[in-house]
């Protein structure tokens, strides 16, 4: 049985080195999604979730598109919340799940991360080619040009305040990854590491 590793996250208070086998882990197989911790299965869904899934930054929950639903799985208990959603892409930011119905969507569905209770939609200025969570921020790639060379503006949204920052233009987005705020030298800290004196 071929397996595809979707994502893995430590889910620790501090980000010191831990055994990879203690991390929560999601494994996608044909027609099945499994969430594992150590060698124990926490949850299993009879649905092909593909790669449209994202972890909460603290590793506590895993949100994924599963057929005609979006699901949120508690990484410790395996409890699964579900909501009807014809979704193309999903992101987790600021304890909410954001879902785009299609490529180029100008409106995102918004759900509570734990319960998947629907909140009002989030309207984007331009259609999204991709969305991603970055801790308490929502990262959107909003389409400005299509054709032989696609181009998007990288718009970072602060859900708590509604503030938007345009970080510039990018080409076609294949994948994204972000480190948490305060990430220094492999652990979370509010201050950067000390500068090394020049020799």
N, C-alpha and C. Protein backbone atom coordinates (compact mmCIF):
# COMPACT_ATOMS: atom_id res chain seq x y z
N UNK A 1 0.85 -1.17 0.00
CA UNK A 1 0.00 0.00 0.00
C UNK A 1 0.90 1.24 0.00
N UNK A 2 0.82 2.05 -1.04
CA UNK A 2 1.62 3.28 -1.10
C UNK A 2 1.00 4.32 -0.18
N UNK A 3 1.83 5.01 0.59
CA UNK A 3 1.35 6.03 1.50
C UNK A 3 1.97 7.37 1.14
N UNK A 4 1.23 8.43 1.33
CA UNK A 4 1.73 9.77 1.10
C UNK A 4 1.69 10.53 2.41
N UNK A 5 2.81 11.04 2.86
CA UNK A 5 2.85 11.84 4.07
C UNK A 5 2.35 13.23 3.73
N UNK A 6 1.25 13.64 4.37
CA UNK A 6 0.70 14.97 4.11
C UNK A 6 1.40 16.03 4.94
N UNK A 7 1.59 15.76 6.23
CA UNK A 7 2.13 16.79 7.10
C UNK A 7 2.50 16.17 8.43
N UNK A 8 3.39 16.80 9.17
CA UNK A 8 3.71 16.38 10.52
C UNK A 8 4.07 17.61 11.33
N UNK A 9 3.73 17.61 12.59
CA UNK A 9 4.00 18.77 13.44
C UNK A 9 4.24 18.29 14.86
N UNK A 10 5.10 18.99 15.59
CA UNK A 10 5.46 18.54 16.94
C UNK A 10 4.32 18.71 17.93
N UNK A 11 3.62 19.82 17.90
CA UNK A 11 2.53 20.03 18.85
C UNK A 11 3.02 20.16 20.28
N UNK A 12 4.21 20.67 20.48
CA UNK A 12 4.78 20.80 21.81
C UNK A 12 4.71 22.26 22.27
N UNK A 13 4.76 22.49 23.58
CA UNK A 13 4.80 23.86 24.12
C UNK A 13 6.05 24.57 23.63
N UNK A 14 7.19 23.89 23.70
CA UNK A 14 8.42 24.42 23.13
C UNK A 14 8.79 23.52 21.97
N UNK A 15 9.63 24.01 21.12
CA UNK A 15 9.94 23.27 19.91
C UNK A 15 11.33 22.64 19.98
N UNK A 16 11.67 22.08 21.14
CA UNK A 16 12.93 21.38 21.27
C UNK A 16 12.85 20.08 20.48
N UNK A 17 13.99 19.46 20.26
CA UNK A 17 14.02 18.23 19.49
C UNK A 17 13.24 17.14 20.22
N UNK A 18 12.30 16.52 19.52
CA UNK A 18 11.52 15.41 20.07
C UNK A 18 11.58 14.25 19.09
N UNK A 19 11.26 13.08 19.59
CA UNK A 19 11.22 11.92 18.72
C UNK A 19 10.17 12.10 17.65
N UNK A 20 10.51 11.82 16.42
CA UNK A 20 9.55 11.96 15.32
C UNK A 20 8.34 11.06 15.51
N UNK A 21 8.51 9.98 16.25
CA UNK A 21 7.41 9.04 16.43
C UNK A 21 6.37 9.52 17.44
N UNK A 22 6.66 10.57 18.21
CA UNK A 22 5.70 11.12 19.17
C UNK A 22 4.84 12.21 18.53
N UNK A 23 5.18 12.61 17.33
CA UNK A 23 4.45 13.68 16.66
C UNK A 23 3.13 13.18 16.10
N UNK A 24 2.08 14.04 16.13
CA UNK A 24 0.87 13.66 15.41
C UNK A 24 1.20 13.64 13.92
N UNK A 25 0.60 12.75 13.20
CA UNK A 25 0.95 12.53 11.80
C UNK A 25 -0.30 12.19 11.02
N UNK A 26 -0.45 12.79 9.84
CA UNK A 26 -1.58 12.42 8.99
C UNK A 26 -1.05 11.64 7.80
N UNK A 27 -1.74 10.58 7.47
CA UNK A 27 -1.34 9.73 6.35
C UNK A 27 -2.53 9.60 5.41
N UNK A 28 -2.31 9.96 4.15
CA UNK A 28 -3.36 9.83 3.16
C UNK A 28 -3.14 8.60 2.30
N UNK A 29 -4.15 7.79 2.16
CA UNK A 29 -4.13 6.64 1.27
C UNK A 29 -5.34 6.77 0.36
N UNK A 30 -5.41 5.97 -0.67
CA UNK A 30 -6.56 6.03 -1.56
C UNK A 30 -7.83 5.75 -0.76
N UNK A 31 -8.77 6.70 -0.82
CA UNK A 31 -10.07 6.59 -0.15
C UNK A 31 -10.00 6.54 1.37
N UNK A 32 -8.87 6.99 1.96
CA UNK A 32 -8.77 6.93 3.42
C UNK A 32 -7.79 7.99 3.92
N UNK A 33 -8.11 8.58 5.06
CA UNK A 33 -7.21 9.50 5.74
C UNK A 33 -7.09 9.03 7.18
N UNK A 34 -5.85 8.84 7.65
CA UNK A 34 -5.64 8.40 9.02
C UNK A 34 -4.79 9.42 9.76
N UNK A 35 -5.14 9.64 11.03
CA UNK A 35 -4.36 10.49 11.91
C UNK A 35 -3.72 9.59 12.95
N UNK A 36 -2.39 9.66 13.09
CA UNK A 36 -1.65 8.78 13.99
C UNK A 36 -0.92 9.60 15.04
N UNK A 37 -0.73 9.01 16.23
CA UNK A 37 0.16 9.56 17.25
C UNK A 37 0.95 8.37 17.79
N UNK A 38 2.28 8.48 17.72
CA UNK A 38 3.16 7.36 18.02
C UNK A 38 2.74 6.20 17.13
N UNK A 39 2.46 5.02 17.67
CA UNK A 39 2.03 3.91 16.82
C UNK A 39 0.53 3.67 16.92
N UNK A 40 -0.20 4.60 17.54
CA UNK A 40 -1.64 4.44 17.72
C UNK A 40 -2.42 5.30 16.72
N UNK A 41 -3.45 4.70 16.16
CA UNK A 41 -4.33 5.44 15.26
C UNK A 41 -5.30 6.27 16.10
N UNK A 42 -5.36 7.58 15.84
CA UNK A 42 -6.24 8.48 16.58
C UNK A 42 -7.59 8.59 15.89
N UNK A 43 -7.58 8.67 14.56
CA UNK A 43 -8.84 8.80 13.80
C UNK A 43 -8.63 8.30 12.39
N UNK A 44 -9.73 7.91 11.75
CA UNK A 44 -9.69 7.47 10.36
C UNK A 44 -10.97 7.94 9.67
N UNK A 45 -10.81 8.44 8.45
CA UNK A 45 -11.95 8.86 7.63
C UNK A 45 -11.95 8.06 6.35
N UNK A 46 -13.12 7.62 5.93
CA UNK A 46 -13.25 6.90 4.66
C UNK A 46 -13.48 7.92 3.56
N UNK A 47 -12.45 8.71 3.28
CA UNK A 47 -12.55 9.73 2.23
C UNK A 47 -11.15 10.05 1.74
N UNK A 48 -11.04 10.40 0.48
CA UNK A 48 -9.77 10.80 -0.10
C UNK A 48 -9.60 12.29 0.14
N UNK A 49 -8.72 12.64 1.06
CA UNK A 49 -8.52 14.05 1.41
C UNK A 49 -7.49 14.73 0.53
N UNK A 50 -6.79 13.96 -0.32
CA UNK A 50 -5.78 14.56 -1.17
C UNK A 50 -4.75 15.31 -0.35
N UNK A 51 -4.26 16.41 -0.86
CA UNK A 51 -3.30 17.20 -0.11
C UNK A 51 -3.89 18.53 0.34
N UNK A 52 -5.19 18.69 0.27
CA UNK A 52 -5.86 19.91 0.71
C UNK A 52 -6.17 19.78 2.20
N UNK A 53 -5.17 20.02 3.01
CA UNK A 53 -5.31 19.85 4.46
C UNK A 53 -4.28 20.74 5.14
N UNK A 54 -4.53 21.05 6.41
CA UNK A 54 -3.58 21.88 7.14
C UNK A 54 -3.71 21.62 8.64
N UNK A 55 -2.58 21.67 9.33
CA UNK A 55 -2.54 21.54 10.79
C UNK A 55 -2.77 22.89 11.44
N UNK A 56 -3.38 22.90 12.64
CA UNK A 56 -3.38 24.09 13.49
C UNK A 56 -1.92 24.31 13.90
N UNK A 57 -1.48 25.56 14.06
CA UNK A 57 -0.07 25.81 14.37
C UNK A 57 0.43 25.09 15.62
N UNK A 58 -0.43 24.86 16.61
CA UNK A 58 0.00 24.17 17.83
C UNK A 58 -0.11 22.65 17.74
N UNK A 59 -0.54 22.14 16.60
CA UNK A 59 -0.64 20.69 16.42
C UNK A 59 -1.86 20.07 17.07
N UNK A 60 -2.77 20.88 17.60
CA UNK A 60 -3.92 20.34 18.33
C UNK A 60 -5.02 19.80 17.43
N UNK A 61 -5.13 20.34 16.21
CA UNK A 61 -6.20 19.91 15.30
C UNK A 61 -5.66 19.82 13.88
N UNK A 62 -6.35 19.02 13.09
CA UNK A 62 -6.01 18.82 11.68
C UNK A 62 -7.28 19.06 10.87
N UNK A 63 -7.24 20.01 9.94
CA UNK A 63 -8.40 20.31 9.10
C UNK A 63 -8.11 19.83 7.68
N UNK A 64 -9.13 19.22 7.06
CA UNK A 64 -8.94 18.66 5.72
C UNK A 64 -10.24 18.69 4.94
N UNK A 65 -10.11 18.70 3.63
CA UNK A 65 -11.26 18.52 2.76
C UNK A 65 -11.42 17.02 2.58
N UNK A 66 -12.61 16.53 2.85
CA UNK A 66 -12.90 15.10 2.73
C UNK A 66 -14.20 14.95 1.94
N UNK A 67 -14.08 14.73 0.65
CA UNK A 67 -15.26 14.64 -0.20
C UNK A 67 -16.00 15.96 -0.25
N UNK A 68 -17.28 15.95 0.08
CA UNK A 68 -18.10 17.16 0.08
C UNK A 68 -18.19 17.78 1.47
N UNK A 69 -17.15 17.55 2.28
CA UNK A 69 -17.13 18.08 3.64
C UNK A 69 -15.76 18.67 3.96
N UNK A 70 -15.75 19.55 4.94
CA UNK A 70 -14.50 19.94 5.58
C UNK A 70 -14.56 19.30 6.96
N UNK A 71 -13.44 18.74 7.41
CA UNK A 71 -13.40 18.07 8.71
C UNK A 71 -12.31 18.70 9.57
N UNK A 72 -12.51 18.66 10.88
CA UNK A 72 -11.52 19.12 11.84
C UNK A 72 -11.37 18.01 12.88
N UNK A 73 -10.16 17.48 12.98
CA UNK A 73 -9.91 16.33 13.86
C UNK A 73 -9.06 16.76 15.05
N UNK A 74 -9.52 16.41 16.26
CA UNK A 74 -8.75 16.65 17.47
C UNK A 74 -7.60 15.65 17.49
N UNK A 75 -6.36 16.13 17.51
CA UNK A 75 -5.19 15.26 17.40
C UNK A 75 -4.98 14.39 18.63
N UNK A 76 -5.57 14.73 19.76
CA UNK A 76 -5.40 13.92 20.98
C UNK A 76 -6.51 12.89 21.13
N UNK A 77 -7.77 13.32 20.95
CA UNK A 77 -8.90 12.42 21.21
C UNK A 77 -9.43 11.73 19.97
N UNK A 78 -9.16 12.29 18.79
CA UNK A 78 -9.70 11.73 17.56
C UNK A 78 -11.10 12.20 17.25
N UNK A 79 -11.68 13.07 18.09
CA UNK A 79 -13.03 13.59 17.84
C UNK A 79 -13.03 14.37 16.52
N UNK A 80 -14.06 14.12 15.70
CA UNK A 80 -14.13 14.73 14.37
C UNK A 80 -15.35 15.62 14.26
N UNK A 81 -15.11 16.89 13.91
CA UNK A 81 -16.20 17.81 13.58
C UNK A 81 -16.29 17.86 12.06
N UNK A 82 -17.53 17.95 11.53
CA UNK A 82 -17.73 17.96 10.08
C UNK A 82 -18.68 19.07 9.70
N UNK A 83 -18.48 19.63 8.50
CA UNK A 83 -19.40 20.63 7.95
C UNK A 83 -19.47 20.43 6.44
N UNK A 84 -20.66 20.58 5.89
CA UNK A 84 -20.83 20.47 4.44
C UNK A 84 -20.03 21.58 3.76
N UNK A 85 -19.27 21.21 2.74
CA UNK A 85 -18.45 22.20 2.03
C UNK A 85 -17.96 21.60 0.73
N UNK A 86 -18.31 22.22 -0.38
CA UNK A 86 -17.70 21.87 -1.65
C UNK A 86 -16.48 22.76 -1.76
N UNK A 87 -15.33 22.24 -1.36
CA UNK A 87 -14.13 23.05 -1.19
C UNK A 87 -13.03 22.65 -2.17
N UNK A 88 -12.23 23.63 -2.54
CA UNK A 88 -11.07 23.44 -3.41
C UNK A 88 -9.78 23.53 -2.59
N UNK A 89 -9.76 24.45 -1.62
CA UNK A 89 -8.56 24.69 -0.83
C UNK A 89 -8.98 25.03 0.60
N UNK A 90 -8.08 24.77 1.56
CA UNK A 90 -8.40 25.01 2.97
C UNK A 90 -7.16 25.56 3.67
N UNK A 91 -7.39 26.43 4.67
CA UNK A 91 -6.30 27.00 5.46
C UNK A 91 -6.76 27.15 6.90
N UNK A 92 -5.82 27.05 7.84
CA UNK A 92 -6.11 27.23 9.26
C UNK A 92 -5.32 28.44 9.75
N UNK A 93 -6.04 29.43 10.31
CA UNK A 93 -5.39 30.63 10.85
C UNK A 93 -6.26 31.20 11.96
N UNK A 94 -5.64 31.65 13.03
CA UNK A 94 -6.33 32.32 14.12
C UNK A 94 -7.52 31.51 14.64
N UNK A 95 -7.33 30.20 14.81
CA UNK A 95 -8.36 29.28 15.33
C UNK A 95 -9.60 29.20 14.46
N UNK A 96 -9.43 29.47 13.17
CA UNK A 96 -10.54 29.35 12.22
C UNK A 96 -10.06 28.57 11.00
N UNK A 97 -11.03 27.94 10.31
CA UNK A 97 -10.75 27.25 9.05
C UNK A 97 -11.32 28.11 7.94
N UNK A 98 -10.51 28.37 6.93
CA UNK A 98 -10.93 29.14 5.76
C UNK A 98 -10.97 28.18 4.58
N UNK A 99 -12.04 28.25 3.79
CA UNK A 99 -12.19 27.33 2.66
C UNK A 99 -12.59 28.09 1.41
N UNK A 100 -11.89 27.80 0.31
CA UNK A 100 -12.21 28.37 -1.00
C UNK A 100 -12.95 27.31 -1.79
N UNK A 101 -14.06 27.69 -2.41
CA UNK A 101 -14.88 26.73 -3.15
C UNK A 101 -14.23 26.32 -4.46
N UNK A 102 -13.40 27.19 -5.02
CA UNK A 102 -12.80 26.90 -6.34
C UNK A 102 -11.57 27.76 -6.54
N UNK A 103 -10.80 27.43 -7.56
CA UNK A 103 -9.68 28.27 -7.97
C UNK A 103 -10.26 29.60 -8.42
N UNK A 104 -9.71 30.69 -7.94
CA UNK A 104 -10.20 32.01 -8.31
C UNK A 104 -11.36 32.51 -7.46
N UNK A 105 -11.66 31.83 -6.36
CA UNK A 105 -12.77 32.24 -5.49
C UNK A 105 -12.50 33.62 -4.91
N UNK A 106 -13.52 34.48 -4.90
CA UNK A 106 -13.39 35.81 -4.30
C UNK A 106 -14.03 35.87 -2.91
N UNK A 107 -14.53 34.74 -2.46
CA UNK A 107 -15.14 34.66 -1.13
C UNK A 107 -14.71 33.36 -0.48
N UNK A 108 -14.30 33.45 0.78
CA UNK A 108 -13.90 32.26 1.53
C UNK A 108 -14.94 31.97 2.59
N UNK A 109 -15.28 30.69 2.74
CA UNK A 109 -16.13 30.27 3.86
C UNK A 109 -15.26 30.26 5.10
N UNK A 110 -15.83 30.63 6.24
CA UNK A 110 -15.08 30.69 7.49
C UNK A 110 -15.79 29.84 8.54
N UNK A 111 -15.02 28.96 9.20
CA UNK A 111 -15.56 28.05 10.22
C UNK A 111 -14.72 28.14 11.49
N UNK A 112 -15.33 27.88 12.64
CA UNK A 112 -14.60 27.73 13.89
C UNK A 112 -13.75 26.45 13.79
N UNK A 113 -12.50 26.51 14.21
CA UNK A 113 -11.60 25.37 14.06
C UNK A 113 -12.08 24.13 14.81
N UNK A 114 -12.56 24.29 16.04
CA UNK A 114 -12.94 23.13 16.85
C UNK A 114 -14.31 22.57 16.49
N UNK A 115 -15.29 23.44 16.25
CA UNK A 115 -16.68 22.98 16.06
C UNK A 115 -17.12 22.98 14.60
N UNK A 116 -16.41 23.71 13.76
CA UNK A 116 -16.77 23.96 12.36
C UNK A 116 -18.12 24.68 12.23
N UNK A 117 -18.49 25.41 13.27
CA UNK A 117 -19.66 26.28 13.18
C UNK A 117 -19.32 27.39 12.19
N UNK A 118 -20.24 27.64 11.26
CA UNK A 118 -19.99 28.64 10.21
C UNK A 118 -20.00 30.06 10.76
N UNK A 119 -19.03 30.84 10.33
CA UNK A 119 -18.98 32.28 10.59
C UNK A 119 -19.28 32.95 9.25
N UNK A 120 -19.42 34.26 9.26
CA UNK A 120 -19.68 34.96 8.00
C UNK A 120 -18.55 34.76 7.00
N UNK A 121 -18.81 34.90 5.71
CA UNK A 121 -17.75 34.72 4.72
C UNK A 121 -16.74 35.86 4.76
N UNK A 122 -15.55 35.59 4.24
CA UNK A 122 -14.50 36.60 4.09
C UNK A 122 -14.40 36.92 2.60
N UNK A 123 -14.60 38.18 2.25
CA UNK A 123 -14.54 38.59 0.84
C UNK A 123 -13.14 39.05 0.50
N UNK A 124 -12.62 38.57 -0.62
CA UNK A 124 -11.30 38.96 -1.10
C UNK A 124 -11.46 39.98 -2.23
N UNK A 125 -10.46 40.83 -2.41
CA UNK A 125 -10.50 41.84 -3.46
C UNK A 125 -10.40 41.20 -4.85
N UNK A 126 -9.57 40.15 -4.95
CA UNK A 126 -9.39 39.42 -6.21
C UNK A 126 -9.49 37.93 -5.94
N UNK A 127 -9.65 37.15 -6.98
CA UNK A 127 -9.77 35.70 -6.83
C UNK A 127 -8.49 35.07 -6.30
N UNK A 128 -8.64 34.05 -5.46
CA UNK A 128 -7.49 33.39 -4.84
C UNK A 128 -7.03 32.20 -5.65
N UNK A 129 -5.72 32.14 -5.90
CA UNK A 129 -5.16 30.94 -6.51
C UNK A 129 -4.79 29.94 -5.43
N UNK A 130 -4.49 30.45 -4.23
CA UNK A 130 -4.09 29.59 -3.12
C UNK A 130 -4.28 30.35 -1.81
N UNK A 131 -4.57 29.60 -0.73
CA UNK A 131 -4.65 30.18 0.61
C UNK A 131 -3.86 29.30 1.56
N UNK A 132 -3.35 29.90 2.64
CA UNK A 132 -2.58 29.14 3.63
C UNK A 132 -2.65 29.84 4.97
N UNK A 133 -2.57 29.06 6.03
CA UNK A 133 -2.52 29.62 7.37
C UNK A 133 -1.08 29.82 7.80
N UNK A 134 -0.85 30.90 8.54
CA UNK A 134 0.48 31.18 9.09
C UNK A 134 0.28 31.66 10.53
N UNK A 135 -0.08 30.75 11.41
CA UNK A 135 -0.33 31.10 12.80
C UNK A 135 -1.60 31.92 12.94
N UNK A 136 -1.46 33.18 13.34
CA UNK A 136 -2.62 34.04 13.49
C UNK A 136 -2.91 34.86 12.24
N UNK A 137 -2.24 34.55 11.15
CA UNK A 137 -2.43 35.27 9.89
C UNK A 137 -2.91 34.33 8.79
N UNK A 138 -3.69 34.89 7.88
CA UNK A 138 -4.15 34.15 6.70
C UNK A 138 -3.38 34.69 5.50
N UNK A 139 -2.72 33.80 4.78
CA UNK A 139 -1.94 34.18 3.60
C UNK A 139 -2.76 33.84 2.36
N UNK A 140 -2.99 34.84 1.51
CA UNK A 140 -3.75 34.62 0.28
C UNK A 140 -2.91 35.03 -0.91
N UNK A 141 -3.04 34.28 -1.98
CA UNK A 141 -2.40 34.62 -3.24
C UNK A 141 -3.53 34.99 -4.18
N UNK A 142 -3.69 36.30 -4.46
CA UNK A 142 -4.82 36.80 -5.22
C UNK A 142 -4.40 37.10 -6.65
N UNK A 143 -5.10 36.51 -7.60
CA UNK A 143 -4.73 36.50 -9.01
C UNK A 143 -4.78 37.90 -9.63
N UNK A 144 -3.67 38.28 -10.27
CA UNK A 144 -3.64 39.55 -11.00
C UNK A 144 -3.48 39.33 -12.51
N UNK A 145 -2.85 38.24 -12.91
CA UNK A 145 -2.64 37.92 -14.33
C UNK A 145 -2.83 36.42 -14.55
N UNK A 146 -3.46 36.04 -15.65
CA UNK A 146 -3.57 34.63 -16.02
C UNK A 146 -3.11 34.47 -17.45
N UNK A 147 -2.83 33.25 -17.84
CA UNK A 147 -2.38 32.98 -19.19
C UNK A 147 -1.11 32.18 -19.16
N UNK A 148 -0.19 32.51 -20.07
CA UNK A 148 1.06 31.77 -20.17
C UNK A 148 1.88 31.90 -18.88
N UNK A 149 1.74 33.04 -18.23
CA UNK A 149 2.47 33.25 -16.98
C UNK A 149 1.52 33.83 -15.93
N UNK A 150 1.06 32.98 -15.03
CA UNK A 150 0.17 33.45 -13.96
C UNK A 150 0.94 34.32 -12.98
N UNK A 151 0.24 35.28 -12.42
CA UNK A 151 0.84 36.15 -11.41
C UNK A 151 -0.20 36.45 -10.34
N UNK A 152 0.25 36.50 -9.10
CA UNK A 152 -0.64 36.80 -7.98
C UNK A 152 0.00 37.82 -7.07
N UNK A 153 -0.84 38.52 -6.32
CA UNK A 153 -0.35 39.38 -5.25
C UNK A 153 -0.43 38.59 -3.95
N UNK A 154 0.62 38.69 -3.16
CA UNK A 154 0.66 38.02 -1.86
C UNK A 154 0.05 38.97 -0.84
N UNK A 155 -1.18 38.66 -0.41
CA UNK A 155 -1.91 39.50 0.54
C UNK A 155 -2.01 38.75 1.87
N UNK A 156 -1.47 39.35 2.92
CA UNK A 156 -1.51 38.75 4.26
C UNK A 156 -2.61 39.44 5.05
N UNK A 157 -3.52 38.64 5.60
CA UNK A 157 -4.68 39.18 6.32
C UNK A 157 -4.56 38.84 7.80
N UNK A 158 -4.80 39.83 8.64
CA UNK A 158 -4.86 39.64 10.10
C UNK A 158 -6.33 39.47 10.45
N UNK A 159 -6.83 38.24 10.62
CA UNK A 159 -8.26 38.04 10.89
C UNK A 159 -8.79 38.79 12.10
N UNK A 160 -7.97 38.98 13.13
CA UNK A 160 -8.44 39.65 14.34
C UNK A 160 -8.81 41.11 14.10
N UNK A 161 -8.07 41.77 13.20
CA UNK A 161 -8.30 43.20 12.96
C UNK A 161 -8.83 43.49 11.57
N UNK A 162 -8.68 42.55 10.65
CA UNK A 162 -9.07 42.79 9.27
C UNK A 162 -8.00 43.49 8.46
N UNK A 163 -6.87 43.83 9.09
CA UNK A 163 -5.78 44.52 8.40
C UNK A 163 -5.20 43.62 7.31
N UNK A 164 -4.85 44.25 6.18
CA UNK A 164 -4.28 43.52 5.04
C UNK A 164 -2.93 44.15 4.67
N UNK A 165 -1.97 43.30 4.36
CA UNK A 165 -0.66 43.75 3.93
C UNK A 165 -0.36 43.14 2.57
N UNK A 166 -0.05 43.98 1.58
CA UNK A 166 0.34 43.51 0.27
C UNK A 166 1.86 43.33 0.28
N UNK A 167 2.31 42.08 0.21
CA UNK A 167 3.74 41.78 0.28
C UNK A 167 4.40 41.69 -1.08
N UNK A 168 3.66 42.00 -2.16
CA UNK A 168 4.24 42.01 -3.49
C UNK A 168 3.67 40.94 -4.39
N UNK A 169 4.25 40.85 -5.59
CA UNK A 169 3.75 39.91 -6.60
C UNK A 169 4.61 38.66 -6.65
N UNK A 170 3.96 37.55 -6.95
CA UNK A 170 4.64 36.26 -7.08
C UNK A 170 4.11 35.55 -8.32
N UNK A 171 4.82 34.54 -8.77
CA UNK A 171 4.35 33.74 -9.90
C UNK A 171 3.40 32.65 -9.43
N UNK A 172 3.38 31.54 -10.14
CA UNK A 172 2.52 30.41 -9.79
C UNK A 172 2.94 29.82 -8.46
N UNK A 173 1.99 29.63 -7.55
CA UNK A 173 2.29 29.09 -6.22
C UNK A 173 2.08 27.59 -6.22
N UNK A 174 3.12 26.84 -5.84
CA UNK A 174 3.01 25.38 -5.78
C UNK A 174 2.75 24.91 -4.36
N UNK A 175 3.41 25.50 -3.38
CA UNK A 175 3.26 25.08 -2.00
C UNK A 175 3.78 26.19 -1.10
N UNK A 176 3.37 26.16 0.17
CA UNK A 176 3.81 27.17 1.12
C UNK A 176 4.12 26.52 2.46
N UNK A 177 4.99 27.16 3.23
CA UNK A 177 5.29 26.73 4.60
C UNK A 177 5.73 27.96 5.37
N UNK A 178 5.33 28.04 6.62
CA UNK A 178 5.62 29.21 7.43
C UNK A 178 6.11 28.77 8.80
N UNK A 179 7.00 29.58 9.41
CA UNK A 179 7.43 29.32 10.78
C UNK A 179 6.63 30.23 11.71
N UNK A 180 6.41 29.80 12.95
CA UNK A 180 5.64 30.63 13.88
C UNK A 180 6.39 31.91 14.24
N UNK A 181 5.63 32.93 14.68
CA UNK A 181 6.27 34.15 15.17
C UNK A 181 7.14 33.78 16.36
N UNK A 182 8.28 34.47 16.51
CA UNK A 182 9.16 34.21 17.64
C UNK A 182 10.01 32.96 17.46
N UNK A 183 10.12 32.43 16.24
CA UNK A 183 10.89 31.20 16.02
C UNK A 183 12.36 31.58 15.88
N UNK A 184 13.17 31.17 16.84
CA UNK A 184 14.60 31.45 16.80
C UNK A 184 15.33 30.19 17.23
N UNK A 185 16.34 29.83 16.52
CA UNK A 185 17.25 28.74 16.89
C UNK A 185 16.52 27.46 17.26
N UNK A 186 15.46 27.13 16.53
CA UNK A 186 14.78 25.87 16.74
C UNK A 186 13.82 25.83 17.91
N UNK A 187 13.49 26.97 18.50
CA UNK A 187 12.50 27.00 19.57
C UNK A 187 11.81 28.35 19.58
N UNK A 188 10.66 28.42 20.21
CA UNK A 188 9.92 29.68 20.28
C UNK A 188 10.50 30.54 21.39
N UNK A 189 10.75 31.78 21.07
CA UNK A 189 11.27 32.74 22.04
C UNK A 189 10.89 34.13 21.57
N UNK A 190 10.50 35.02 22.49
CA UNK A 190 10.13 36.37 22.07
C UNK A 190 11.30 37.22 21.64
N UNK A 191 12.53 36.79 21.93
CA UNK A 191 13.69 37.59 21.55
C UNK A 191 14.61 36.78 20.64
N UNK A 192 15.29 37.48 19.72
CA UNK A 192 16.21 36.77 18.83
C UNK A 192 17.44 36.29 19.60
N UNK A 193 18.18 35.34 19.02
CA UNK A 193 19.40 34.88 19.68
C UNK A 193 20.42 36.02 19.72
N UNK A 194 21.37 35.99 20.66
CA UNK A 194 22.37 37.05 20.72
C UNK A 194 23.22 37.06 19.46
N UNK A 195 23.60 38.27 19.04
CA UNK A 195 24.44 38.40 17.85
C UNK A 195 25.85 37.93 18.18
N UNK A 196 26.48 37.26 17.23
CA UNK A 196 27.85 36.82 17.43
C UNK A 196 28.79 37.95 17.04
N UNK A 197 29.79 38.25 17.87
CA UNK A 197 30.71 39.35 17.54
C UNK A 197 31.51 39.02 16.28
N UNK A 198 31.80 40.05 15.50
CA UNK A 198 32.61 39.86 14.29
C UNK A 198 34.03 39.51 14.70
N UNK A 199 34.67 38.68 13.91
CA UNK A 199 36.05 38.28 14.22
C UNK A 199 36.99 38.97 13.29
